[in-house]
Amino acid sequence: MPIDKHEWPVLIVSGEFDAATDEGCRLRELKKQLVENKGCSVLISLRYEDAINIFASRADLGTVIIDWDIQCEDPGEQATAAELLEGIRQRNKTIPVVLLTDHSELENLPTDVLSKVDDCIWKITDTVDFLAGRIEVLVSDYLQTVYPAFFGGMARYANEYKYA
């Protein structure tokens, strides 16, 4: 049985998801692209605190997208993006983690944060289709590493419907 990327949701962590802003609109469009055009499923978390709990309770996530700026947008947020990232890396060292930020903020990111992420995507600069494609590739590449090589080969062989 092949590994289905739909069964390994993308967790998007952003306080702007429901906002009536360009960023909120783009995030909703990104979710739509991932689900309808890329065959992924998507979970949404509006706060880092909630994302920490979601990540701790799920072993089936395919990629985590973290909006670096939630604390700027939500003064009530108790956790930080760095704490979320640390919690993710303590539990899973290989899951793709992507920061959602602006080009201008990249130079302000601490190097220890950058060493724990796999990619950065830009909130406004890139097209939604490009972002969805990048995320789909990360999920697909990660799923190739989830099961041991022998099992993956056996699953591919079984799906070829050959007589043994």
N, C-alpha and C. Protein backbone atom coordinates (compact mmCIF):
# COMPACT_ATOMS: atom_id res chain seq x y z
N MET A 1 0.85 -1.18 0.00
CA MET A 1 0.00 0.00 0.00
C MET A 1 0.89 1.24 0.00
N PRO A 2 0.73 2.12 -0.96
CA PRO A 2 1.59 3.31 -1.00
C PRO A 2 1.24 4.28 0.13
N ILE A 3 2.22 5.05 0.48
CA ILE A 3 2.00 6.07 1.51
C ILE A 3 1.23 7.21 0.86
N ASP A 4 0.10 7.56 1.44
CA ASP A 4 -0.77 8.59 0.88
C ASP A 4 -0.52 9.90 1.60
N LYS A 5 -0.09 10.92 0.86
CA LYS A 5 0.20 12.21 1.50
C LYS A 5 -1.03 12.84 2.12
N HIS A 6 -2.23 12.44 1.67
CA HIS A 6 -3.46 12.96 2.28
C HIS A 6 -3.59 12.51 3.73
N GLU A 7 -3.01 11.36 4.05
CA GLU A 7 -3.09 10.82 5.41
C GLU A 7 -2.03 11.42 6.34
N TRP A 8 -1.17 12.29 5.81
CA TRP A 8 -0.11 12.93 6.59
C TRP A 8 -0.30 14.45 6.47
N PRO A 9 -1.15 15.03 7.32
CA PRO A 9 -1.52 16.44 7.15
C PRO A 9 -0.37 17.42 7.31
N VAL A 10 -0.53 18.55 6.63
CA VAL A 10 0.35 19.70 6.80
C VAL A 10 -0.26 20.53 7.92
N LEU A 11 0.53 20.85 8.92
CA LEU A 11 0.08 21.72 10.01
C LEU A 11 0.55 23.14 9.70
N ILE A 12 -0.41 24.05 9.52
CA ILE A 12 -0.08 25.46 9.29
C ILE A 12 -0.39 26.23 10.57
N VAL A 13 0.62 26.89 11.11
CA VAL A 13 0.49 27.64 12.35
C VAL A 13 0.57 29.12 12.02
N SER A 14 -0.57 29.81 12.08
CA SER A 14 -0.58 31.24 11.79
C SER A 14 -1.81 31.88 12.40
N GLY A 15 -1.61 32.97 13.10
CA GLY A 15 -2.70 33.73 13.66
C GLY A 15 -3.46 34.53 12.62
N GLU A 16 -2.92 34.61 11.42
CA GLU A 16 -3.54 35.40 10.36
C GLU A 16 -4.51 34.60 9.50
N PHE A 17 -4.69 33.33 9.79
CA PHE A 17 -5.47 32.48 8.90
C PHE A 17 -6.89 32.99 8.70
N ASP A 18 -7.53 33.45 9.74
CA ASP A 18 -8.91 33.93 9.63
C ASP A 18 -9.00 35.44 9.44
N ALA A 19 -7.87 36.11 9.33
CA ALA A 19 -7.87 37.58 9.24
C ALA A 19 -8.37 38.05 7.88
N ALA A 20 -9.00 39.21 7.89
CA ALA A 20 -9.47 39.84 6.65
C ALA A 20 -8.36 40.71 6.08
N THR A 21 -7.21 40.08 5.84
CA THR A 21 -6.04 40.77 5.30
C THR A 21 -5.55 40.00 4.07
N ASP A 22 -4.61 40.59 3.36
CA ASP A 22 -4.02 39.91 2.22
C ASP A 22 -3.35 38.62 2.67
N GLU A 23 -2.66 38.69 3.80
CA GLU A 23 -1.99 37.50 4.32
C GLU A 23 -2.98 36.40 4.65
N GLY A 24 -4.09 36.75 5.30
CA GLY A 24 -5.12 35.77 5.63
C GLY A 24 -5.72 35.16 4.38
N CYS A 25 -5.98 35.99 3.39
CA CYS A 25 -6.53 35.52 2.11
C CYS A 25 -5.57 34.55 1.44
N ARG A 26 -4.29 34.87 1.45
CA ARG A 26 -3.29 34.00 0.83
C ARG A 26 -3.17 32.67 1.57
N LEU A 27 -3.27 32.69 2.90
CA LEU A 27 -3.20 31.45 3.66
C LEU A 27 -4.40 30.55 3.36
N ARG A 28 -5.58 31.15 3.26
CA ARG A 28 -6.76 30.36 2.91
C ARG A 28 -6.64 29.78 1.50
N GLU A 29 -6.10 30.57 0.59
CA GLU A 29 -5.87 30.09 -0.79
C GLU A 29 -4.82 28.98 -0.80
N LEU A 30 -3.79 29.11 0.04
CA LEU A 30 -2.76 28.07 0.14
C LEU A 30 -3.38 26.76 0.61
N LYS A 31 -4.23 26.84 1.62
CA LYS A 31 -4.90 25.62 2.11
C LYS A 31 -5.73 25.00 0.98
N LYS A 32 -6.47 25.82 0.27
CA LYS A 32 -7.30 25.34 -0.84
C LYS A 32 -6.44 24.66 -1.91
N GLN A 33 -5.33 25.29 -2.28
CA GLN A 33 -4.42 24.71 -3.29
C GLN A 33 -3.87 23.36 -2.82
N LEU A 34 -3.44 23.30 -1.55
CA LEU A 34 -2.88 22.05 -1.03
C LEU A 34 -3.91 20.93 -1.05
N VAL A 35 -5.13 21.24 -0.66
CA VAL A 35 -6.17 20.21 -0.59
C VAL A 35 -6.69 19.83 -1.98
N GLU A 36 -7.06 20.82 -2.76
CA GLU A 36 -7.73 20.54 -4.04
C GLU A 36 -6.77 20.17 -5.16
N ASN A 37 -5.61 20.79 -5.21
CA ASN A 37 -4.71 20.58 -6.35
C ASN A 37 -3.51 19.68 -6.04
N LYS A 38 -3.13 19.58 -4.78
CA LYS A 38 -1.92 18.82 -4.44
C LYS A 38 -2.23 17.53 -3.69
N GLY A 39 -3.49 17.30 -3.34
CA GLY A 39 -3.87 16.05 -2.67
C GLY A 39 -3.41 15.93 -1.24
N CYS A 40 -3.13 17.06 -0.59
CA CYS A 40 -2.71 17.06 0.81
C CYS A 40 -3.92 17.34 1.70
N SER A 41 -3.78 17.07 2.97
CA SER A 41 -4.76 17.53 3.94
C SER A 41 -4.06 18.56 4.82
N VAL A 42 -4.84 19.43 5.44
CA VAL A 42 -4.27 20.56 6.17
C VAL A 42 -4.96 20.70 7.52
N LEU A 43 -4.16 20.90 8.57
CA LEU A 43 -4.65 21.27 9.89
C LEU A 43 -4.21 22.71 10.14
N ILE A 44 -5.05 23.46 10.82
CA ILE A 44 -4.75 24.86 11.12
C ILE A 44 -4.63 25.04 12.62
N SER A 45 -3.64 25.80 13.03
CA SER A 45 -3.50 26.24 14.42
C SER A 45 -3.26 27.74 14.40
N LEU A 46 -4.03 28.46 15.18
CA LEU A 46 -3.91 29.92 15.21
C LEU A 46 -2.88 30.40 16.22
N ARG A 47 -2.43 29.51 17.10
CA ARG A 47 -1.49 29.90 18.17
C ARG A 47 -0.39 28.86 18.31
N TYR A 48 0.78 29.31 18.74
CA TYR A 48 1.90 28.41 18.99
C TYR A 48 1.55 27.40 20.08
N GLU A 49 0.88 27.87 21.14
CA GLU A 49 0.52 26.99 22.25
C GLU A 49 -0.31 25.81 21.76
N ASP A 50 -1.30 26.10 20.94
CA ASP A 50 -2.15 25.04 20.40
C ASP A 50 -1.35 24.12 19.49
N ALA A 51 -0.46 24.68 18.71
CA ALA A 51 0.36 23.87 17.80
C ALA A 51 1.27 22.92 18.57
N ILE A 52 1.79 23.37 19.70
CA ILE A 52 2.61 22.49 20.54
C ILE A 52 1.79 21.27 20.97
N ASN A 53 0.55 21.49 21.38
CA ASN A 53 -0.32 20.39 21.80
C ASN A 53 -0.70 19.49 20.64
N ILE A 54 -0.99 20.08 19.50
CA ILE A 54 -1.32 19.28 18.32
C ILE A 54 -0.14 18.40 17.94
N PHE A 55 1.05 18.99 17.88
CA PHE A 55 2.23 18.23 17.48
C PHE A 55 2.52 17.10 18.47
N ALA A 56 2.32 17.37 19.76
CA ALA A 56 2.59 16.36 20.78
C ALA A 56 1.61 15.19 20.70
N SER A 57 0.42 15.44 20.20
CA SER A 57 -0.60 14.39 20.17
C SER A 57 -0.71 13.66 18.83
N ARG A 58 0.06 14.08 17.84
CA ARG A 58 -0.05 13.48 16.50
C ARG A 58 1.31 13.01 16.01
N ALA A 59 1.35 11.81 15.52
CA ALA A 59 2.58 11.28 14.93
C ALA A 59 2.49 11.23 13.41
N ASP A 60 1.37 11.68 12.87
CA ASP A 60 1.12 11.52 11.45
C ASP A 60 1.27 12.81 10.64
N LEU A 61 1.88 13.84 11.18
CA LEU A 61 2.03 15.08 10.44
C LEU A 61 3.10 14.93 9.37
N GLY A 62 2.85 15.55 8.21
CA GLY A 62 3.78 15.44 7.09
C GLY A 62 4.73 16.61 6.96
N THR A 63 4.33 17.78 7.44
CA THR A 63 5.15 19.00 7.40
C THR A 63 4.51 20.00 8.35
N VAL A 64 5.34 20.88 8.93
CA VAL A 64 4.83 21.94 9.79
C VAL A 64 5.27 23.28 9.21
N ILE A 65 4.30 24.17 8.99
CA ILE A 65 4.56 25.53 8.51
C ILE A 65 4.32 26.46 9.68
N ILE A 66 5.33 27.24 10.07
CA ILE A 66 5.23 28.12 11.24
C ILE A 66 5.36 29.57 10.82
N ASP A 67 4.31 30.33 11.09
CA ASP A 67 4.35 31.78 10.89
C ASP A 67 5.21 32.36 12.02
N TRP A 68 6.30 32.99 11.65
CA TRP A 68 7.25 33.50 12.64
C TRP A 68 6.70 34.69 13.42
N ASP A 69 5.66 35.33 12.94
CA ASP A 69 5.21 36.61 13.49
C ASP A 69 3.96 36.58 14.34
N ILE A 70 3.53 35.44 14.86
CA ILE A 70 2.29 35.40 15.63
C ILE A 70 2.37 36.31 16.85
N GLN A 71 3.50 36.33 17.53
CA GLN A 71 3.60 37.15 18.75
C GLN A 71 3.44 38.63 18.44
N CYS A 72 3.87 39.07 17.28
CA CYS A 72 3.67 40.47 16.90
C CYS A 72 2.20 40.75 16.66
N GLU A 73 1.48 39.77 16.13
CA GLU A 73 0.09 39.95 15.77
C GLU A 73 -0.86 39.67 16.92
N ASP A 74 -0.46 38.83 17.90
CA ASP A 74 -1.30 38.44 19.02
C ASP A 74 -0.53 38.60 20.32
N PRO A 75 -0.70 39.74 20.99
CA PRO A 75 0.04 39.99 22.22
C PRO A 75 -0.29 39.00 23.34
N GLY A 76 -1.41 38.28 23.23
CA GLY A 76 -1.79 37.30 24.25
C GLY A 76 -1.11 35.96 24.10
N GLU A 77 -0.39 35.77 23.02
CA GLU A 77 0.30 34.50 22.79
C GLU A 77 1.35 34.29 23.87
N GLN A 78 1.30 33.13 24.52
CA GLN A 78 2.23 32.83 25.61
C GLN A 78 3.49 32.11 25.14
N ALA A 79 3.37 31.27 24.13
CA ALA A 79 4.52 30.53 23.62
C ALA A 79 5.19 31.33 22.51
N THR A 80 6.37 30.90 22.13
CA THR A 80 7.09 31.55 21.04
C THR A 80 7.29 30.55 19.90
N ALA A 81 7.60 31.08 18.74
CA ALA A 81 7.90 30.22 17.60
C ALA A 81 9.12 29.37 17.89
N ALA A 82 10.10 29.94 18.58
CA ALA A 82 11.31 29.19 18.92
C ALA A 82 10.99 28.02 19.85
N GLU A 83 10.06 28.21 20.80
CA GLU A 83 9.66 27.12 21.70
C GLU A 83 8.93 26.02 20.93
N LEU A 84 8.07 26.43 20.01
CA LEU A 84 7.39 25.44 19.17
C LEU A 84 8.41 24.65 18.36
N LEU A 85 9.33 25.34 17.75
CA LEU A 85 10.35 24.69 16.94
C LEU A 85 11.19 23.73 17.79
N GLU A 86 11.56 24.15 18.97
CA GLU A 86 12.33 23.29 19.87
C GLU A 86 11.54 22.04 20.25
N GLY A 87 10.25 22.20 20.55
CA GLY A 87 9.40 21.06 20.88
C GLY A 87 9.28 20.08 19.72
N ILE A 88 9.17 20.61 18.52
CA ILE A 88 9.09 19.76 17.33
C ILE A 88 10.37 18.97 17.17
N ARG A 89 11.51 19.65 17.27
CA ARG A 89 12.80 18.97 17.05
C ARG A 89 13.14 17.99 18.17
N GLN A 90 12.64 18.21 19.37
CA GLN A 90 12.86 17.24 20.44
C GLN A 90 12.12 15.94 20.16
N ARG A 91 10.97 16.07 19.55
CA ARG A 91 10.14 14.89 19.29
C ARG A 91 10.44 14.25 17.95
N ASN A 92 10.77 15.05 16.94
CA ASN A 92 10.99 14.52 15.60
C ASN A 92 12.06 15.36 14.91
N LYS A 93 13.20 14.76 14.68
CA LYS A 93 14.32 15.50 14.09
C LYS A 93 14.26 15.59 12.57
N THR A 94 13.37 14.82 11.93
CA THR A 94 13.39 14.76 10.48
C THR A 94 12.16 15.37 9.79
N ILE A 95 11.09 15.63 10.52
CA ILE A 95 9.90 16.19 9.86
C ILE A 95 10.26 17.55 9.27
N PRO A 96 9.82 17.83 8.05
CA PRO A 96 10.11 19.14 7.47
C PRO A 96 9.39 20.25 8.24
N VAL A 97 10.16 21.26 8.61
CA VAL A 97 9.62 22.45 9.27
C VAL A 97 9.98 23.65 8.41
N VAL A 98 8.97 24.45 8.12
CA VAL A 98 9.15 25.60 7.23
C VAL A 98 8.70 26.85 7.96
N LEU A 99 9.52 27.89 7.89
CA LEU A 99 9.13 29.17 8.46
C LEU A 99 8.41 29.99 7.41
N LEU A 100 7.32 30.58 7.80
CA LEU A 100 6.55 31.49 6.96
C LEU A 100 6.88 32.90 7.47
N THR A 101 7.57 33.67 6.65
CA THR A 101 8.03 34.98 7.10
C THR A 101 8.16 35.92 5.91
N ASP A 102 8.66 37.11 6.17
CA ASP A 102 8.94 38.08 5.12
C ASP A 102 10.44 38.06 4.82
N HIS A 103 10.79 38.42 3.59
CA HIS A 103 12.21 38.51 3.21
C HIS A 103 12.98 39.39 4.19
N SER A 104 12.39 40.49 4.59
CA SER A 104 13.08 41.45 5.45
C SER A 104 13.36 40.90 6.84
N GLU A 105 12.59 39.91 7.28
CA GLU A 105 12.78 39.34 8.62
C GLU A 105 13.85 38.26 8.66
N LEU A 106 14.22 37.73 7.52
CA LEU A 106 15.17 36.63 7.48
C LEU A 106 16.48 36.98 8.16
N GLU A 107 16.98 38.19 7.95
CA GLU A 107 18.24 38.58 8.57
C GLU A 107 18.14 38.72 10.09
N ASN A 108 16.93 38.84 10.63
CA ASN A 108 16.73 38.97 12.08
C ASN A 108 16.51 37.63 12.77
N LEU A 109 16.42 36.55 12.01
CA LEU A 109 16.19 35.24 12.62
C LEU A 109 17.48 34.73 13.26
N PRO A 110 17.38 34.21 14.47
CA PRO A 110 18.58 33.65 15.13
C PRO A 110 19.12 32.44 14.36
N THR A 111 20.41 32.28 14.37
CA THR A 111 21.03 31.18 13.63
C THR A 111 20.61 29.81 14.17
N ASP A 112 20.37 29.71 15.49
CA ASP A 112 19.93 28.42 16.02
C ASP A 112 18.54 28.05 15.51
N VAL A 113 17.70 29.05 15.22
CA VAL A 113 16.39 28.80 14.63
C VAL A 113 16.57 28.33 13.19
N LEU A 114 17.39 29.02 12.44
CA LEU A 114 17.61 28.65 11.04
C LEU A 114 18.20 27.25 10.91
N SER A 115 18.98 26.83 11.89
CA SER A 115 19.58 25.49 11.83
C SER A 115 18.55 24.39 12.06
N LYS A 116 17.38 24.74 12.60
CA LYS A 116 16.35 23.75 12.90
C LYS A 116 15.23 23.70 11.86
N VAL A 117 15.28 24.57 10.87
CA VAL A 117 14.23 24.58 9.86
C VAL A 117 14.77 24.04 8.53
N ASP A 118 13.87 23.54 7.73
CA ASP A 118 14.25 22.97 6.45
C ASP A 118 14.12 23.96 5.31
N ASP A 119 13.27 24.96 5.48
CA ASP A 119 13.03 25.91 4.40
C ASP A 119 12.35 27.14 4.98
N CYS A 120 12.37 28.20 4.21
CA CYS A 120 11.61 29.42 4.52
C CYS A 120 10.77 29.73 3.30
N ILE A 121 9.53 30.10 3.53
CA ILE A 121 8.69 30.55 2.44
C ILE A 121 8.21 31.95 2.77
N TRP A 122 7.99 32.72 1.75
CA TRP A 122 7.69 34.14 1.92
C TRP A 122 6.18 34.37 1.89
N LYS A 123 5.71 35.13 2.86
CA LYS A 123 4.28 35.37 3.02
C LYS A 123 3.63 35.99 1.79
N ILE A 124 4.24 36.98 1.23
CA ILE A 124 3.59 37.75 0.18
C ILE A 124 4.31 37.63 -1.17
N THR A 125 5.59 37.38 -1.17
CA THR A 125 6.40 37.47 -2.38
C THR A 125 6.08 36.40 -3.42
N ASP A 126 6.02 35.13 -3.00
CA ASP A 126 5.84 34.03 -3.96
C ASP A 126 4.36 33.79 -4.24
N THR A 127 4.07 33.16 -5.38
CA THR A 127 2.69 32.84 -5.71
C THR A 127 2.21 31.69 -4.82
N VAL A 128 0.92 31.63 -4.61
CA VAL A 128 0.33 30.57 -3.79
C VAL A 128 0.58 29.21 -4.44
N ASP A 129 0.51 29.14 -5.75
CA ASP A 129 0.77 27.88 -6.44
C ASP A 129 2.20 27.40 -6.20
N PHE A 130 3.16 28.33 -6.24
CA PHE A 130 4.55 27.97 -5.98
C PHE A 130 4.71 27.47 -4.54
N LEU A 131 4.11 28.17 -3.57
CA LEU A 131 4.20 27.76 -2.17
C LEU A 131 3.60 26.38 -1.96
N ALA A 132 2.43 26.13 -2.56
CA ALA A 132 1.79 24.83 -2.43
C ALA A 132 2.68 23.73 -3.04
N GLY A 133 3.30 24.03 -4.15
CA GLY A 133 4.20 23.06 -4.77
C GLY A 133 5.40 22.76 -3.91
N ARG A 134 5.99 23.79 -3.30
CA ARG A 134 7.14 23.59 -2.40
C ARG A 134 6.74 22.69 -1.23
N ILE A 135 5.59 22.98 -0.65
CA ILE A 135 5.12 22.21 0.51
C ILE A 135 4.83 20.77 0.10
N GLU A 136 4.20 20.58 -1.04
CA GLU A 136 3.90 19.22 -1.50
C GLU A 136 5.19 18.41 -1.67
N VAL A 137 6.22 19.01 -2.22
CA VAL A 137 7.51 18.32 -2.39
C VAL A 137 8.09 17.93 -1.04
N LEU A 138 8.02 18.83 -0.07
CA LEU A 138 8.54 18.51 1.26
C LEU A 138 7.78 17.34 1.89
N VAL A 139 6.46 17.35 1.77
CA VAL A 139 5.66 16.25 2.32
C VAL A 139 6.03 14.94 1.61
N SER A 140 6.06 14.96 0.30
CA SER A 140 6.36 13.75 -0.47
C SER A 140 7.75 13.21 -0.16
N ASP A 141 8.74 14.08 -0.09
CA ASP A 141 10.11 13.65 0.24
C ASP A 141 10.17 13.06 1.64
N TYR A 142 9.48 13.69 2.59
CA TYR A 142 9.48 13.19 3.96
C TYR A 142 8.84 11.81 4.04
N LEU A 143 7.75 11.61 3.33
CA LEU A 143 7.05 10.33 3.39
C LEU A 143 7.90 9.19 2.85
N GLN A 144 8.84 9.50 1.96
CA GLN A 144 9.74 8.47 1.46
C GLN A 144 10.69 7.97 2.54
N THR A 145 10.86 8.75 3.61
CA THR A 145 11.77 8.37 4.70
C THR A 145 11.05 7.77 5.90
N VAL A 146 9.72 7.80 5.89
CA VAL A 146 8.96 7.37 7.06
C VAL A 146 9.09 5.87 7.30
N TYR A 147 8.97 5.09 6.25
CA TYR A 147 9.07 3.64 6.39
C TYR A 147 10.45 3.19 5.94
N PRO A 148 10.93 2.08 6.49
CA PRO A 148 12.24 1.57 6.06
C PRO A 148 12.26 1.26 4.57
N ALA A 149 13.45 1.28 3.98
CA ALA A 149 13.61 1.09 2.54
C ALA A 149 13.02 -0.24 2.08
N PHE A 150 13.22 -1.30 2.84
CA PHE A 150 12.70 -2.61 2.44
C PHE A 150 11.19 -2.58 2.36
N PHE A 151 10.54 -1.98 3.36
CA PHE A 151 9.08 -1.90 3.35
C PHE A 151 8.58 -1.09 2.15
N GLY A 152 9.26 0.02 1.88
CA GLY A 152 8.87 0.84 0.73
C GLY A 152 8.98 0.06 -0.56
N GLY A 153 10.06 -0.68 -0.73
CA GLY A 153 10.24 -1.50 -1.92
C GLY A 153 9.19 -2.60 -2.00
N MET A 154 8.88 -3.20 -0.89
CA MET A 154 7.86 -4.24 -0.86
C MET A 154 6.48 -3.66 -1.22
N ALA A 155 6.18 -2.47 -0.71
CA ALA A 155 4.91 -1.83 -1.03
C ALA A 155 4.82 -1.50 -2.52
N ARG A 156 5.91 -0.99 -3.09
CA ARG A 156 5.91 -0.69 -4.53
C ARG A 156 5.70 -1.97 -5.34
N TYR A 157 6.37 -3.05 -4.94
CA TYR A 157 6.24 -4.33 -5.64
C TYR A 157 4.80 -4.83 -5.58
N ALA A 158 4.20 -4.75 -4.40
CA ALA A 158 2.82 -5.21 -4.22
C ALA A 158 1.86 -4.39 -5.09
N ASN A 159 2.15 -3.12 -5.29
CA ASN A 159 1.27 -2.26 -6.08
C ASN A 159 1.44 -2.45 -7.58
N GLU A 160 2.43 -3.23 -7.98
CA GLU A 160 2.62 -3.53 -9.40
C GLU A 160 1.78 -4.72 -9.84
N TYR A 161 1.12 -5.40 -8.90
CA TYR A 161 0.23 -6.51 -9.17
C TYR A 161 0.90 -7.60 -10.00
N LYS A 162 2.11 -7.98 -9.62
CA LYS A 162 2.83 -9.04 -10.31
C LYS A 162 2.50 -10.38 -9.67
N TYR A 163 2.58 -11.45 -10.50
CA TYR A 163 2.48 -12.79 -9.93
C TYR A 163 3.79 -13.11 -9.25
N ALA A 164 3.72 -13.66 -8.07
CA ALA A 164 4.95 -14.00 -7.35
C ALA A 164 5.49 -15.31 -7.86
